[in-house]
Protein backbone atom coordinates (compact mmCIF):
# COMPACT_ATOMS: atom_id res chain seq x y z
CA MET A 1 -19.55 -5.81 15.20
CA GLU A 2 -20.10 -3.13 12.61
CA LEU A 3 -17.32 -2.37 10.15
CA GLU A 4 -17.47 1.36 10.92
CA GLU A 5 -16.73 0.68 14.58
CA ARG A 6 -13.82 -1.62 13.68
CA MET A 7 -12.46 1.03 11.31
CA THR A 8 -12.45 3.68 14.05
CA LYS A 9 -10.41 1.39 16.32
CA THR A 10 -7.78 0.62 13.65
CA LEU A 11 -4.45 2.44 13.73
CA LEU A 12 -2.35 3.36 10.72
CA GLY A 13 0.12 0.51 10.24
CA GLN A 14 -2.20 -2.40 11.02
CA LEU A 15 -2.76 -4.98 8.27
CA THR A 16 -6.54 -5.06 8.50
CA TRP A 17 -9.39 -3.69 10.59
CA ALA A 18 -9.15 -4.00 14.36
CA ASN A 19 -11.30 -6.74 15.88
CA PRO A 20 -12.31 -5.82 19.47
CA GLU A 21 -14.05 -9.18 19.85
CA MET A 22 -10.57 -10.77 19.96
CA ASN A 23 -10.02 -8.98 23.30
CA ALA A 24 -6.30 -8.57 22.53
CA LYS A 25 -3.71 -5.89 21.80
CA CYS A 26 -1.15 -5.91 19.01
CA GLU A 27 1.74 -5.92 21.51
CA ASP A 28 0.78 -9.52 22.40
CA CYS A 29 0.75 -10.71 18.77
CA GLN A 30 3.67 -12.64 17.31
CA HIS A 31 3.43 -10.52 14.14
CA PHE A 32 4.10 -7.27 16.05
CA LYS A 33 7.81 -6.47 15.93
CA VAL A 34 9.14 -3.78 18.28
CA GLU A 35 11.81 -1.45 16.97
CA VAL A 36 14.92 -1.39 19.16
CA GLY A 37 15.02 1.68 21.39
CA LYS A 38 11.53 2.82 20.44
CA ALA A 39 9.28 0.55 22.51
CA PRO A 40 6.30 0.29 22.46
CA LEU A 41 6.41 1.44 18.82
CA GLY A 42 6.65 -1.38 16.34
CA LYS A 43 5.39 -2.68 13.04
CA CYS A 44 3.15 -5.46 11.88
CA ALA A 45 5.29 -8.01 10.01
CA LEU A 46 2.24 -9.10 8.02
CA VAL A 47 2.09 -5.69 6.31
CA LYS A 48 5.50 -6.32 4.76
CA ALA A 49 4.59 -9.92 3.90
CA HIS A 50 1.43 -8.87 2.08
CA THR A 51 2.45 -5.53 0.55
CA ARG A 52 6.26 -5.73 0.31
CA LYS A 53 6.34 -2.35 2.06
CA VAL A 54 7.65 -1.71 5.57
CA GLY A 55 4.49 -0.10 6.91
CA ALA A 56 3.96 2.56 9.56
CA SER A 57 5.05 2.25 13.18
CA PHE A 58 2.31 2.25 15.81
CA ASP A 59 1.85 1.76 19.54
CA GLY A 60 1.14 -1.91 20.18
CA LYS A 61 -0.01 -1.23 23.75
CA ILE A 62 -3.05 0.72 22.57
CA ALA A 63 -3.71 -0.94 19.20
CA VAL A 64 -6.67 -3.32 19.19
CA ALA A 65 -5.56 -6.56 17.51
CA CYS A 66 -6.95 -7.58 14.14
CA SER A 67 -8.32 -10.98 13.14
CA LYS A 68 -4.79 -12.11 12.14
CA PHE A 69 -3.74 -12.10 15.83
CA GLU A 70 -1.51 -15.01 16.90
CA ARG A 71 0.00 -15.67 20.31
């Protein structure tokens, strides 16, 4: 898959480019943490682990998972 296509499918707040070939959504990833009272908005825990910043909230139901996806 071309990088440009992956970039267009990536939402602000994801750690790396979306990977549609994974056939998964962020909401199903163990790294996606839902904020209490704001479901389905959540944050990728890997962003904080890699950047030491909290990162942006995004909708895990529509976000195409990246290659760091874990069940």
